[in-house]
Each structure stands twice: as structure tokens, then as C-alpha cells.
Amino acid sequence: MTHTYQITGMTCSSCQKRVQELLQNTPGITRVEIDLAAGTAVVDMSTHVSTEALQAALKDHPKYQLTEKHKPVPAYEEPKVSWVTTYKPVLLILGYVLTVSLLAGKWNIWPTMRVFMAGFFLVFSLFKMLDLSGFADSYAMYDILARKFRVWGYIYPFVELGLGLAFVADFKPIAVNIITLIVMSVSIIGVLQSVLNKRKIKCACLGAVFNLPMSTITIIEDGLMIAMSVIMLIKML
């Protein structure tokens, strides 16, 4: 058996030799190697010798203090997860919504965009409503309005629901797109601040159901809605 110990108080080669002899004379010890610079002793044993017995061997020389050398505990590292795995729920939802939009819009850009925006708001509002309180807590961590007025975190999912239904029914398209532009522009401000400041916080885009970190994908989501509303307004005005 081999054990390593920390020894303090050794200042010269004479100290090194004295400590080595004292330890080597302990019953059960077969070999002692001392590193003066590191202040360590590597001890080979034929049978187990307790730390107390080794300390007792040095008791007549109190300036030498022997303690067990513990191996440092490695720092915990979170398992690395790929970007695709992390954002798989969002990517799947966007993929489903896009597929339905293309089929419903028959590959015509304008109806496809309207159906996509309808599907986006309806699906994302659904996930937020599954845990309104949890969403409000997460949203208040970065949204500029929800930070000041927590009630906005409870209202926002219903705003998204209303926009989704309005896009489905093609109701007042100019007014609905203007509201979309305003709401998403306000929303993206807090997202940009969090991402640019590299704040490690939870994204509330899918409510409290999924633990998604805030990142550029959140900017893309909001930016996509802003861009679509602007394009549709330009076409209608």
C-alpha cells in the first residue's frame, strides 16, 4: 500500500533526513520518499498504518506536522449538449408550423406568411398558458415591461392568442400587423439586452414547460415576427 502525506515544518535537507528516518522506523513502513520542495512524503506500507501512528512518530519534533494529502475534487462540469439538442423543441415547433403554412398557403408567399404568423402565436401562447405564473416569473427577468409591471407577464400570452386568432380569421390585417410590430418590437428589446450582456437566464418563449437558455434564437424568433409584420404592412399600405 502506498499513501501520500503532507508534511510542514521541513526547511532543509537535515529536516528531510530526520523525518524520513522517523517515519521509516515506524512498524509496517517499508519505504519513505520525501519531496522537500513539495512538502510531501510518499510512504509504502506492508500493512495499513494509521495517520495517527505516523503523527506519533513525529511527536518529539512538534514543528513537523503530518496530515493526509487529499486528492482535489474535480470541478463539476455540465455535460456538453449540442445547439440542436438544446433548442430541439423550438426547432420542431417552427418546422411543424412552417410545413402547415406552406401547405395551407399552397406555396403562395402571402397566405403562407399569414398562416405561419397565426400558427406561431397560437402554439407559443399555448405553452405559455400551461403555467402562467411560471411564465410571468421567467418573463419578468428580462422583458422591459414585465420587469416593471408583473401583470404584463400574465397578459402577454393572451395577447399572443388574440393575434394568432386574428391572423387565422384575417381580421383587420393592417391593425393586427401594426399591433404585432409594436408588441414584438418591445419584446425584443429585453431579449437583446440579455443576450448582449451574456446573461445566463431562462428564455420564456415556450413558457415554463421547457428550460431553454436565452440566446440568439430568441432574437431570431421575435425578429422574424417583426420582419413579417413589416413586409405585410408594406404590401397592404
Protein backbone atom coordinates (compact mmCIF):
# COMPACT_ATOMS: atom_id res chain seq x y z
CA MET A 1 0.00 0.00 0.00
CA THR A 2 1.22 3.45 -0.86
CA HIS A 3 -0.06 6.69 0.68
CA THR A 4 0.94 10.30 0.25
CA TYR A 5 1.08 12.76 3.16
CA GLN A 6 1.62 16.48 3.52
CA ILE A 7 4.39 17.46 5.94
CA THR A 8 5.01 21.02 7.11
CA GLY A 9 7.97 22.36 9.08
CA MET A 10 10.77 20.93 6.95
CA THR A 11 13.21 23.69 5.98
CA CYS A 12 16.40 21.88 4.94
CA SER A 13 17.90 18.55 3.91
CA SER A 14 18.59 17.73 7.56
CA CYS A 15 14.87 18.07 8.31
CA GLN A 16 14.12 15.88 5.33
CA LYS A 17 16.51 13.17 6.52
CA ARG A 18 15.24 13.30 10.12
CA VAL A 19 11.59 12.99 9.14
CA GLN A 20 12.39 10.19 6.72
CA GLU A 21 14.20 8.21 9.42
CA LEU A 22 11.43 8.76 11.99
CA LEU A 23 8.75 7.57 9.62
CA GLN A 24 10.78 4.65 8.31
CA ASN A 25 11.27 3.37 11.84
CA THR A 26 7.51 3.02 12.28
CA PRO A 27 6.43 -0.65 12.25
CA GLY A 28 4.79 -1.60 8.97
CA ILE A 29 6.58 1.06 6.91
CA THR A 30 8.81 -0.34 4.16
CA ARG A 31 9.88 2.79 2.30
CA VAL A 32 9.62 6.58 2.65
CA GLU A 33 10.36 9.12 -0.06
CA ILE A 34 10.21 12.79 0.87
CA ASP A 35 9.96 15.74 -1.53
CA LEU A 36 11.32 18.68 0.42
CA ALA A 37 10.19 21.31 -2.09
CA ALA A 38 6.63 20.00 -2.26
CA GLY A 39 6.50 19.14 1.46
CA THR A 40 5.17 15.65 0.76
CA ALA A 41 6.03 12.12 1.82
CA VAL A 42 5.23 9.02 -0.21
CA VAL A 43 5.00 6.08 2.19
CA ASP A 44 4.94 2.38 1.28
CA MET A 45 3.38 0.06 3.87
CA SER A 46 3.44 -3.72 4.27
CA THR A 47 0.31 -3.43 6.42
CA HIS A 48 -2.01 -0.49 6.98
CA VAL A 49 -0.51 2.16 9.27
CA SER A 50 -2.86 4.83 10.53
CA THR A 51 -2.21 8.51 10.12
CA GLU A 52 -2.24 8.81 13.93
CA ALA A 53 0.65 6.32 14.18
CA LEU A 54 2.72 8.33 11.70
CA GLN A 55 1.93 11.54 13.59
CA ALA A 56 3.01 9.82 16.81
CA ALA A 57 6.37 9.03 15.19
CA LEU A 58 6.97 12.78 14.86
CA LYS A 59 5.60 13.81 18.25
CA ASP A 60 9.04 14.58 19.68
CA HIS A 61 9.55 17.09 16.90
CA PRO A 62 6.37 19.21 17.03
CA LYS A 63 7.47 21.52 14.26
CA TYR A 64 6.88 18.68 11.80
CA GLN A 65 3.18 18.30 11.17
CA LEU A 66 1.92 15.36 9.10
CA THR A 67 -1.53 15.30 7.52
CA GLU A 68 -3.20 13.21 4.85
CA LYS A 69 -2.86 14.62 1.35
CA HIS A 70 -6.33 14.58 -0.17
CA LYS A 71 -6.80 14.46 -3.89
CA PRO A 72 -8.53 17.60 -5.15
CA VAL A 73 -12.15 17.05 -6.05
CA PRO A 74 -12.57 17.76 -9.75
CA ALA A 75 -14.88 20.66 -10.50
CA TYR A 76 -18.28 19.63 -11.77
CA GLU A 77 -18.72 20.24 -15.45
CA GLU A 78 -22.13 20.22 -17.00
CA PRO A 79 -22.35 17.74 -19.85
CA LYS A 80 -21.94 19.46 -23.20
CA VAL A 81 -25.14 19.47 -25.20
CA SER A 82 -25.30 20.41 -28.87
CA TRP A 83 -27.17 23.51 -30.02
CA VAL A 84 -29.66 21.38 -31.93
CA THR A 85 -30.41 19.24 -28.85
CA THR A 86 -30.84 22.30 -26.64
CA TYR A 87 -33.31 24.02 -28.95
CA LYS A 88 -34.96 20.90 -30.35
CA PRO A 89 -38.45 21.85 -29.03
CA VAL A 90 -38.34 25.27 -30.72
CA LEU A 91 -36.95 23.87 -33.97
CA LEU A 92 -39.62 21.17 -34.10
CA ILE A 93 -42.42 23.66 -33.46
CA LEU A 94 -41.14 26.06 -36.11
CA GLY A 95 -40.73 23.15 -38.52
CA TYR A 96 -44.32 21.97 -37.96
CA VAL A 97 -45.74 25.49 -38.27
CA LEU A 98 -43.74 26.17 -41.44
CA THR A 99 -44.86 22.88 -43.04
CA VAL A 100 -48.55 23.55 -42.28
CA SER A 101 -48.19 27.14 -43.51
CA LEU A 102 -46.68 26.08 -46.83
CA LEU A 103 -49.43 23.50 -47.38
CA ALA A 104 -52.26 25.82 -46.30
CA GLY A 105 -50.87 28.71 -48.30
CA LYS A 106 -50.27 26.48 -51.32
CA TRP A 107 -46.73 27.86 -51.55
CA ASN A 108 -48.05 31.38 -52.12
CA ILE A 109 -45.93 33.74 -50.05
CA TRP A 110 -48.67 35.99 -48.65
CA PRO A 111 -51.13 33.40 -47.32
CA THR A 112 -48.17 31.30 -46.18
CA MET A 113 -46.82 34.19 -44.09
CA ARG A 114 -50.24 34.86 -42.58
CA VAL A 115 -50.77 31.20 -41.64
CA PHE A 116 -47.23 30.99 -40.26
CA MET A 117 -47.79 34.01 -38.01
CA ALA A 118 -51.13 32.58 -36.88
CA GLY A 119 -49.56 29.21 -36.05
CA PHE A 120 -46.58 30.82 -34.33
CA PHE A 121 -48.69 32.90 -31.95
CA LEU A 122 -51.23 30.15 -31.24
CA VAL A 123 -48.64 27.48 -30.43
CA PHE A 124 -46.35 29.72 -28.39
CA SER A 125 -49.27 31.19 -26.42
CA LEU A 126 -50.45 27.64 -25.62
CA PHE A 127 -47.14 26.69 -23.99
CA LYS A 128 -47.09 29.92 -22.00
CA MET A 129 -50.62 29.28 -20.68
CA LEU A 130 -49.69 25.83 -19.39
CA ASP A 131 -48.01 27.60 -16.47
CA LEU A 132 -48.93 31.28 -16.45
CA SER A 133 -47.26 32.00 -13.13
CA GLY A 134 -44.04 30.28 -14.17
CA PHE A 135 -44.02 32.18 -17.46
CA ALA A 136 -44.63 35.51 -15.69
CA ASP A 137 -41.69 34.84 -13.35
CA SER A 138 -39.35 33.97 -16.22
CA TYR A 139 -40.55 36.82 -18.42
CA ALA A 140 -40.04 39.38 -15.66
CA MET A 141 -36.34 38.51 -15.60
CA TYR A 142 -35.68 40.22 -18.93
CA ASP A 143 -38.72 41.88 -20.54
CA ILE A 144 -38.68 45.66 -20.03
CA LEU A 145 -42.44 45.87 -19.40
CA ALA A 146 -42.80 42.71 -17.30
CA ARG A 147 -39.95 43.90 -15.04
CA LYS A 148 -41.95 47.00 -14.11
CA PHE A 149 -45.46 45.56 -14.35
CA ARG A 150 -45.52 41.86 -13.48
CA VAL A 151 -49.15 41.65 -14.61
CA TRP A 152 -47.89 42.06 -18.18
CA GLY A 153 -46.45 38.56 -17.88
CA TYR A 154 -49.99 37.25 -17.33
CA ILE A 155 -51.48 39.37 -20.13
CA TYR A 156 -48.86 38.67 -22.79
CA PRO A 157 -49.92 35.04 -23.60
CA PHE A 158 -53.48 36.25 -24.20
CA VAL A 159 -52.17 38.99 -26.49
CA GLU A 160 -50.36 36.31 -28.49
CA LEU A 161 -53.54 34.20 -28.54
CA GLY A 162 -55.55 37.17 -29.80
CA LEU A 163 -53.02 37.89 -32.54
CA GLY A 164 -52.99 34.24 -33.57
CA LEU A 165 -56.77 34.10 -33.87
CA ALA A 166 -56.82 37.41 -35.75
CA PHE A 167 -54.32 36.09 -38.30
CA VAL A 168 -56.37 32.89 -38.71
CA ALA A 169 -59.53 34.91 -39.39
CA ASP A 170 -57.63 37.53 -41.44
CA PHE A 171 -59.32 40.11 -39.19
CA LYS A 172 -58.34 43.77 -39.62
CA PRO A 173 -54.95 42.78 -41.10
CA ILE A 174 -53.47 46.27 -41.07
CA ALA A 175 -54.32 46.90 -37.41
CA VAL A 176 -53.25 43.38 -36.38
CA ASN A 177 -49.88 43.71 -38.12
CA ILE A 178 -49.29 47.11 -36.52
CA ILE A 179 -50.04 45.62 -33.08
CA THR A 180 -47.74 42.70 -33.87
CA LEU A 181 -44.96 45.09 -34.86
CA ILE A 182 -45.33 47.12 -31.64
CA VAL A 183 -45.63 44.12 -29.29
CA MET A 184 -42.71 42.21 -30.77
CA SER A 185 -40.51 45.32 -31.01
CA VAL A 186 -41.00 45.97 -27.29
CA SER A 187 -40.39 42.29 -26.53
CA ILE A 188 -37.13 42.10 -28.48
CA ILE A 189 -35.54 44.98 -26.50
CA GLY A 190 -35.24 42.91 -23.31
CA VAL A 191 -34.08 39.90 -25.30
CA LEU A 192 -31.31 41.92 -26.98
CA GLN A 193 -30.18 43.37 -23.65
CA SER A 194 -29.95 39.91 -22.07
CA VAL A 195 -28.11 38.29 -24.99
CA LEU A 196 -25.66 41.17 -25.49
CA ASN A 197 -24.92 41.27 -21.73
CA LYS A 198 -24.44 37.47 -21.83
CA ARG A 199 -26.91 36.93 -19.01
CA LYS A 200 -27.47 33.22 -18.37
CA ILE A 201 -31.21 33.21 -17.83
CA LYS A 202 -34.13 31.08 -18.90
CA CYS A 203 -35.95 32.03 -22.09
CA ALA A 204 -39.72 32.27 -21.61
CA CYS A 205 -40.61 31.79 -25.29
CA LEU A 206 -42.10 28.36 -24.52
CA GLY A 207 -43.25 29.32 -21.06
CA ALA A 208 -42.07 27.32 -18.05
CA VAL A 209 -42.51 23.96 -19.80
CA PHE A 210 -39.02 23.82 -21.33
CA ASN A 211 -35.80 25.05 -19.74
CA LEU A 212 -34.34 26.89 -22.72
CA PRO A 213 -31.45 29.32 -22.25
CA MET A 214 -31.76 32.82 -23.63
CA SER A 215 -29.78 33.11 -26.86
CA THR A 216 -29.75 34.47 -30.39
CA ILE A 217 -32.53 32.05 -31.39
CA THR A 218 -34.91 34.13 -29.25
CA ILE A 219 -33.83 37.22 -31.17
CA ILE A 220 -34.48 35.37 -34.43
CA GLU A 221 -37.99 34.37 -33.29
CA ASP A 222 -39.01 37.92 -32.36
CA GLY A 223 -37.15 39.42 -35.31
CA LEU A 224 -38.94 37.07 -37.69
CA MET A 225 -42.35 38.25 -36.48
CA ILE A 226 -41.25 41.89 -36.74
CA ALA A 227 -39.93 41.39 -40.27
CA MET A 228 -43.09 39.57 -41.42
CA SER A 229 -45.40 42.23 -39.99
CA VAL A 230 -43.38 44.98 -41.69
CA ILE A 231 -43.41 43.14 -45.05
CA MET A 232 -47.15 42.56 -44.85
CA LEU A 233 -47.80 46.19 -43.89
CA ILE A 234 -45.74 47.40 -46.85
CA LYS A 235 -47.79 45.17 -49.15
CA MET A 236 -51.13 46.38 -47.74
CA LEU A 237 -50.38 50.10 -47.48
